[in-house]
Amino acid sequence: PAVLEAVLQYCCEVQCKAGPRFAARPAGAWVTVLHNDDVHDFTTVQDTVGRAVGCGPERAVEMMMEAHTKGFVRVRTGGLAECRAARAVLLERGLLANVVQAAWVQHEVCAAGLLATLRDLCAA
């Protein structure tokens, strides 16, 4: 019952776009998302992320490790032009990245959480 309730609540929020998870994002916000791959070494990813978003090495390592453990990480949030510019830097080094509207990332995070809960329930 709790999982069904969570799924229904999420669907209502998506349909109405009035839920608390989506209200905090300004209309038109974009996100550059870096995806994990098994091809590039940590040094290449760290250097490229730092160059793409203008952050220091410590923050680049944090983002790199989040992509490595979760499968993706938001590296830039802002206008479409700046997110595309960050993506271009990532792509020129062969990294996997895309630009999406911020609301879609919120949907993906919520859906991943629901799937993890379902996986845990099925394993029990």
N, C-alpha and C. Protein backbone atom coordinates (compact mmCIF):
# COMPACT_ATOMS: atom_id res chain seq x y z
N PRO A 1 0.80 -1.21 0.00
CA PRO A 1 0.00 0.00 0.00
C PRO A 1 0.85 1.28 0.00
N ALA A 2 1.96 1.28 0.74
CA ALA A 2 2.79 2.49 0.81
C ALA A 2 3.44 2.78 -0.54
N VAL A 3 3.86 1.74 -1.25
CA VAL A 3 4.49 1.94 -2.56
C VAL A 3 3.46 2.46 -3.55
N LEU A 4 2.28 1.86 -3.55
CA LEU A 4 1.22 2.32 -4.44
C LEU A 4 0.88 3.77 -4.16
N GLU A 5 0.81 4.13 -2.89
CA GLU A 5 0.53 5.51 -2.52
C GLU A 5 1.62 6.46 -3.04
N ALA A 6 2.88 6.05 -2.92
CA ALA A 6 3.99 6.88 -3.40
C ALA A 6 3.94 7.04 -4.91
N VAL A 7 3.62 5.95 -5.62
CA VAL A 7 3.53 6.02 -7.08
C VAL A 7 2.38 6.94 -7.49
N LEU A 8 1.24 6.80 -6.84
CA LEU A 8 0.10 7.66 -7.17
C LEU A 8 0.39 9.13 -6.87
N GLN A 9 1.04 9.39 -5.75
CA GLN A 9 1.40 10.77 -5.41
C GLN A 9 2.34 11.35 -6.46
N TYR A 10 3.34 10.56 -6.86
CA TYR A 10 4.28 11.02 -7.87
C TYR A 10 3.56 11.32 -9.19
N CYS A 11 2.67 10.43 -9.61
CA CYS A 11 1.94 10.65 -10.85
C CYS A 11 1.10 11.92 -10.79
N CYS A 12 0.47 12.16 -9.66
CA CYS A 12 -0.31 13.39 -9.50
C CYS A 12 0.58 14.62 -9.59
N GLU A 13 1.76 14.56 -8.97
CA GLU A 13 2.69 15.70 -9.04
C GLU A 13 3.15 15.94 -10.48
N VAL A 14 3.41 14.87 -11.20
CA VAL A 14 3.86 15.02 -12.58
C VAL A 14 2.75 15.62 -13.43
N GLN A 15 1.52 15.13 -13.25
CA GLN A 15 0.40 15.63 -14.03
C GLN A 15 0.09 17.09 -13.71
N CYS A 16 0.11 17.44 -12.45
CA CYS A 16 -0.26 18.79 -12.03
C CYS A 16 0.91 19.75 -12.02
N LYS A 17 2.12 19.23 -11.92
CA LYS A 17 3.34 20.03 -11.81
C LYS A 17 3.21 21.06 -10.69
N ALA A 18 2.52 20.66 -9.64
CA ALA A 18 2.33 21.58 -8.52
C ALA A 18 2.92 21.04 -7.23
N GLY A 19 3.52 19.86 -7.30
CA GLY A 19 4.08 19.25 -6.10
C GLY A 19 5.31 19.98 -5.61
N PRO A 20 5.68 19.78 -4.36
CA PRO A 20 6.81 20.49 -3.77
C PRO A 20 8.14 20.20 -4.45
N ARG A 21 8.30 19.01 -5.02
CA ARG A 21 9.58 18.69 -5.66
C ARG A 21 9.82 19.52 -6.92
N PHE A 22 8.75 19.95 -7.56
CA PHE A 22 8.89 20.65 -8.83
C PHE A 22 8.71 22.15 -8.70
N ALA A 23 8.11 22.60 -7.63
CA ALA A 23 7.82 24.02 -7.46
C ALA A 23 9.09 24.85 -7.28
N ALA A 24 10.16 24.25 -6.78
CA ALA A 24 11.38 24.99 -6.48
C ALA A 24 12.19 25.32 -7.74
N ARG A 25 11.91 24.68 -8.85
CA ARG A 25 12.68 24.90 -10.07
C ARG A 25 12.05 26.01 -10.91
N PRO A 26 12.82 27.01 -11.29
CA PRO A 26 12.27 28.06 -12.15
C PRO A 26 11.99 27.51 -13.55
N ALA A 27 10.96 28.05 -14.18
CA ALA A 27 10.65 27.63 -15.53
C ALA A 27 11.82 27.94 -16.45
N GLY A 28 12.15 27.01 -17.31
CA GLY A 28 13.23 27.22 -18.26
C GLY A 28 14.60 26.85 -17.75
N ALA A 29 14.72 26.34 -16.51
CA ALA A 29 16.03 25.94 -15.99
C ALA A 29 16.49 24.67 -16.72
N TRP A 30 17.78 24.63 -17.02
CA TRP A 30 18.37 23.50 -17.73
C TRP A 30 19.48 22.89 -16.90
N VAL A 31 19.79 21.64 -17.18
CA VAL A 31 20.82 20.91 -16.44
C VAL A 31 21.70 20.15 -17.42
N THR A 32 23.02 20.23 -17.21
CA THR A 32 23.96 19.38 -17.93
C THR A 32 24.19 18.16 -17.06
N VAL A 33 23.94 16.99 -17.62
CA VAL A 33 24.07 15.74 -16.89
C VAL A 33 25.24 14.94 -17.47
N LEU A 34 26.16 14.55 -16.60
CA LEU A 34 27.28 13.68 -16.97
C LEU A 34 26.92 12.26 -16.58
N HIS A 35 27.08 11.32 -17.52
CA HIS A 35 26.77 9.92 -17.26
C HIS A 35 28.06 9.13 -17.07
N ASN A 36 28.00 8.14 -16.22
CA ASN A 36 29.15 7.28 -15.98
C ASN A 36 29.44 6.43 -17.22
N ASP A 37 30.70 6.14 -17.43
CA ASP A 37 31.08 5.15 -18.44
C ASP A 37 32.27 4.36 -17.90
N ASP A 38 32.56 3.26 -18.54
CA ASP A 38 33.67 2.41 -18.11
C ASP A 38 34.89 2.59 -18.99
N VAL A 39 34.94 3.67 -19.76
CA VAL A 39 36.01 3.89 -20.72
C VAL A 39 37.08 4.84 -20.19
N HIS A 40 36.67 5.93 -19.59
CA HIS A 40 37.61 6.99 -19.20
C HIS A 40 38.15 6.80 -17.79
N ASP A 41 39.41 7.17 -17.60
CA ASP A 41 40.01 7.06 -16.28
C ASP A 41 39.60 8.27 -15.43
N PHE A 42 39.79 8.13 -14.12
CA PHE A 42 39.36 9.17 -13.19
C PHE A 42 40.03 10.51 -13.46
N THR A 43 41.31 10.49 -13.79
CA THR A 43 42.03 11.75 -14.02
C THR A 43 41.43 12.52 -15.20
N THR A 44 41.13 11.81 -16.28
CA THR A 44 40.54 12.45 -17.46
C THR A 44 39.19 13.07 -17.11
N VAL A 45 38.36 12.31 -16.40
CA VAL A 45 37.03 12.80 -16.04
C VAL A 45 37.15 14.00 -15.10
N GLN A 46 37.99 13.89 -14.10
CA GLN A 46 38.16 14.99 -13.14
C GLN A 46 38.62 16.26 -13.84
N ASP A 47 39.63 16.17 -14.67
CA ASP A 47 40.14 17.34 -15.38
C ASP A 47 39.08 17.95 -16.30
N THR A 48 38.36 17.09 -17.01
CA THR A 48 37.36 17.57 -17.96
C THR A 48 36.19 18.22 -17.25
N VAL A 49 35.72 17.63 -16.17
CA VAL A 49 34.62 18.22 -15.40
C VAL A 49 35.04 19.58 -14.86
N GLY A 50 36.23 19.66 -14.31
CA GLY A 50 36.71 20.94 -13.79
C GLY A 50 36.76 22.01 -14.85
N ARG A 51 37.20 21.63 -16.05
CA ARG A 51 37.28 22.58 -17.15
C ARG A 51 35.88 22.96 -17.66
N ALA A 52 34.98 21.98 -17.69
CA ALA A 52 33.63 22.22 -18.23
C ALA A 52 32.80 23.15 -17.35
N VAL A 53 32.95 23.02 -16.04
CA VAL A 53 32.09 23.81 -15.15
C VAL A 53 32.85 24.84 -14.34
N GLY A 54 34.17 24.89 -14.49
CA GLY A 54 34.95 25.91 -13.80
C GLY A 54 35.03 25.71 -12.29
N CYS A 55 35.09 24.47 -11.86
CA CYS A 55 35.19 24.20 -10.42
C CYS A 55 36.60 23.73 -10.07
N GLY A 56 36.89 23.68 -8.80
CA GLY A 56 38.17 23.21 -8.33
C GLY A 56 38.26 21.69 -8.37
N PRO A 57 39.46 21.15 -8.16
CA PRO A 57 39.65 19.71 -8.24
C PRO A 57 38.82 18.92 -7.21
N GLU A 58 38.63 19.47 -6.03
CA GLU A 58 37.87 18.75 -5.01
C GLU A 58 36.42 18.56 -5.44
N ARG A 59 35.81 19.63 -5.95
CA ARG A 59 34.42 19.54 -6.41
C ARG A 59 34.32 18.63 -7.63
N ALA A 60 35.31 18.69 -8.52
CA ALA A 60 35.30 17.82 -9.70
C ALA A 60 35.34 16.35 -9.28
N VAL A 61 36.14 16.03 -8.26
CA VAL A 61 36.21 14.65 -7.77
C VAL A 61 34.86 14.24 -7.17
N GLU A 62 34.22 15.12 -6.42
CA GLU A 62 32.91 14.81 -5.85
C GLU A 62 31.90 14.48 -6.95
N MET A 63 31.87 15.31 -8.00
CA MET A 63 30.93 15.06 -9.09
C MET A 63 31.27 13.78 -9.82
N MET A 64 32.56 13.55 -10.06
CA MET A 64 33.00 12.34 -10.75
C MET A 64 32.58 11.10 -9.96
N MET A 65 32.77 11.12 -8.65
CA MET A 65 32.42 9.97 -7.83
C MET A 65 30.91 9.75 -7.77
N GLU A 66 30.14 10.84 -7.78
CA GLU A 66 28.69 10.69 -7.81
C GLU A 66 28.24 10.03 -9.11
N ALA A 67 28.83 10.44 -10.23
CA ALA A 67 28.51 9.81 -11.51
C ALA A 67 28.91 8.34 -11.48
N HIS A 68 30.05 8.06 -10.88
CA HIS A 68 30.56 6.68 -10.82
C HIS A 68 29.65 5.79 -9.98
N THR A 69 29.13 6.30 -8.87
CA THR A 69 28.32 5.47 -7.98
C THR A 69 26.83 5.48 -8.33
N LYS A 70 26.30 6.62 -8.79
CA LYS A 70 24.87 6.72 -9.09
C LYS A 70 24.55 6.54 -10.57
N GLY A 71 25.57 6.63 -11.41
CA GLY A 71 25.33 6.49 -12.84
C GLY A 71 25.23 7.82 -13.57
N PHE A 72 24.99 8.89 -12.84
CA PHE A 72 24.92 10.22 -13.46
C PHE A 72 25.09 11.28 -12.38
N VAL A 73 25.41 12.49 -12.81
CA VAL A 73 25.52 13.62 -11.89
C VAL A 73 25.17 14.89 -12.64
N ARG A 74 24.52 15.81 -11.95
CA ARG A 74 24.24 17.13 -12.51
C ARG A 74 25.50 17.97 -12.33
N VAL A 75 26.11 18.40 -13.42
CA VAL A 75 27.34 19.18 -13.32
C VAL A 75 27.12 20.67 -13.52
N ARG A 76 26.04 21.06 -14.17
CA ARG A 76 25.76 22.49 -14.39
C ARG A 76 24.26 22.68 -14.43
N THR A 77 23.77 23.70 -13.74
CA THR A 77 22.37 24.09 -13.80
C THR A 77 22.34 25.56 -14.17
N GLY A 78 21.47 25.92 -15.11
CA GLY A 78 21.39 27.31 -15.52
C GLY A 78 20.64 27.46 -16.83
N GLY A 79 21.05 28.45 -17.59
CA GLY A 79 20.44 28.69 -18.89
C GLY A 79 20.87 27.66 -19.91
N LEU A 80 20.11 27.58 -20.98
CA LEU A 80 20.39 26.59 -22.02
C LEU A 80 21.77 26.79 -22.64
N ALA A 81 22.16 28.01 -22.91
CA ALA A 81 23.45 28.27 -23.56
C ALA A 81 24.63 27.81 -22.70
N GLU A 82 24.59 28.13 -21.40
CA GLU A 82 25.71 27.73 -20.55
C GLU A 82 25.74 26.22 -20.33
N CYS A 83 24.58 25.59 -20.27
CA CYS A 83 24.55 24.13 -20.12
C CYS A 83 25.06 23.44 -21.39
N ARG A 84 24.71 23.99 -22.54
CA ARG A 84 25.23 23.43 -23.79
C ARG A 84 26.74 23.62 -23.91
N ALA A 85 27.25 24.74 -23.43
CA ALA A 85 28.69 24.99 -23.47
C ALA A 85 29.43 23.98 -22.59
N ALA A 86 28.90 23.71 -21.40
CA ALA A 86 29.52 22.71 -20.52
C ALA A 86 29.49 21.33 -21.16
N ARG A 87 28.37 21.00 -21.80
CA ARG A 87 28.25 19.71 -22.47
C ARG A 87 29.26 19.59 -23.60
N ALA A 88 29.47 20.66 -24.34
CA ALA A 88 30.43 20.62 -25.45
C ALA A 88 31.83 20.28 -24.97
N VAL A 89 32.23 20.84 -23.83
CA VAL A 89 33.56 20.54 -23.27
C VAL A 89 33.64 19.06 -22.88
N LEU A 90 32.58 18.55 -22.27
CA LEU A 90 32.56 17.13 -21.88
C LEU A 90 32.61 16.22 -23.10
N LEU A 91 31.86 16.57 -24.13
CA LEU A 91 31.81 15.74 -25.33
C LEU A 91 33.12 15.74 -26.10
N GLU A 92 33.83 16.86 -26.09
CA GLU A 92 35.08 16.90 -26.87
C GLU A 92 36.13 15.95 -26.31
N ARG A 93 35.99 15.55 -25.04
CA ARG A 93 36.88 14.54 -24.45
C ARG A 93 36.27 13.15 -24.49
N GLY A 94 35.11 13.03 -25.14
CA GLY A 94 34.48 11.73 -25.31
C GLY A 94 33.61 11.27 -24.16
N LEU A 95 33.32 12.16 -23.21
CA LEU A 95 32.46 11.78 -22.09
C LEU A 95 31.00 11.78 -22.52
N LEU A 96 30.18 11.06 -21.79
CA LEU A 96 28.75 10.98 -22.09
C LEU A 96 28.01 12.05 -21.30
N ALA A 97 27.36 12.96 -22.00
CA ALA A 97 26.64 14.05 -21.33
C ALA A 97 25.47 14.49 -22.19
N ASN A 98 24.45 15.01 -21.52
CA ASN A 98 23.33 15.60 -22.24
C ASN A 98 22.79 16.79 -21.46
N VAL A 99 21.94 17.55 -22.11
CA VAL A 99 21.31 18.72 -21.50
C VAL A 99 19.81 18.46 -21.48
N VAL A 100 19.21 18.59 -20.30
CA VAL A 100 17.78 18.36 -20.15
C VAL A 100 17.18 19.46 -19.29
N GLN A 101 15.86 19.60 -19.37
CA GLN A 101 15.20 20.55 -18.48
C GLN A 101 15.29 20.03 -17.05
N ALA A 102 15.44 20.94 -16.11
CA ALA A 102 15.65 20.56 -14.72
C ALA A 102 14.52 19.68 -14.18
N ALA A 103 13.31 19.92 -14.60
CA ALA A 103 12.18 19.12 -14.11
C ALA A 103 12.35 17.65 -14.46
N TRP A 104 12.94 17.35 -15.61
CA TRP A 104 13.14 15.95 -16.00
C TRP A 104 14.11 15.24 -15.07
N VAL A 105 15.13 15.95 -14.61
CA VAL A 105 16.07 15.35 -13.67
C VAL A 105 15.34 15.01 -12.37
N GLN A 106 14.46 15.89 -11.93
CA GLN A 106 13.68 15.61 -10.72
C GLN A 106 12.83 14.36 -10.90
N HIS A 107 12.21 14.21 -12.08
CA HIS A 107 11.41 13.01 -12.36
C HIS A 107 12.29 11.76 -12.31
N GLU A 108 13.47 11.85 -12.90
CA GLU A 108 14.37 10.71 -12.95
C GLU A 108 14.82 10.30 -11.54
N VAL A 109 15.14 11.27 -10.71
CA VAL A 109 15.57 10.98 -9.34
C VAL A 109 14.44 10.33 -8.56
N CYS A 110 13.24 10.85 -8.69
CA CYS A 110 12.09 10.28 -7.98
C CYS A 110 11.80 8.86 -8.49
N ALA A 111 11.84 8.67 -9.79
CA ALA A 111 11.59 7.34 -10.36
C ALA A 111 12.64 6.34 -9.91
N ALA A 112 13.90 6.76 -9.85
CA ALA A 112 14.97 5.87 -9.38
C ALA A 112 14.74 5.48 -7.93
N GLY A 113 14.28 6.41 -7.12
CA GLY A 113 13.97 6.11 -5.73
C GLY A 113 12.83 5.10 -5.60
N LEU A 114 11.80 5.28 -6.42
CA LEU A 114 10.69 4.33 -6.41
C LEU A 114 11.14 2.95 -6.85
N LEU A 115 11.98 2.88 -7.88
CA LEU A 115 12.49 1.58 -8.34
C LEU A 115 13.34 0.90 -7.27
N ALA A 116 14.14 1.67 -6.56
CA ALA A 116 14.95 1.10 -5.49
C ALA A 116 14.06 0.54 -4.38
N THR A 117 13.00 1.26 -4.05
CA THR A 117 12.07 0.78 -3.03
C THR A 117 11.39 -0.51 -3.49
N LEU A 118 10.95 -0.54 -4.74
CA LEU A 118 10.33 -1.75 -5.28
C LEU A 118 11.30 -2.92 -5.28
N ARG A 119 12.55 -2.66 -5.65
CA ARG A 119 13.58 -3.71 -5.66
C ARG A 119 13.76 -4.28 -4.25
N ASP A 120 13.83 -3.39 -3.26
CA ASP A 120 14.00 -3.83 -1.88
C ASP A 120 12.79 -4.64 -1.39
N LEU A 121 11.59 -4.21 -1.78
CA LEU A 121 10.39 -4.95 -1.38
C LEU A 121 10.35 -6.33 -2.03
N CYS A 122 10.74 -6.41 -3.28
CA CYS A 122 10.73 -7.70 -3.98
C CYS A 122 11.81 -8.64 -3.43
N ALA A 123 12.90 -8.09 -2.96
CA ALA A 123 13.99 -8.91 -2.42
C ALA A 123 13.65 -9.46 -1.04
N ALA A 124 12.72 -8.79 -0.35
CA ALA A 124 12.40 -9.20 1.04
C ALA A 124 11.53 -10.44 1.08
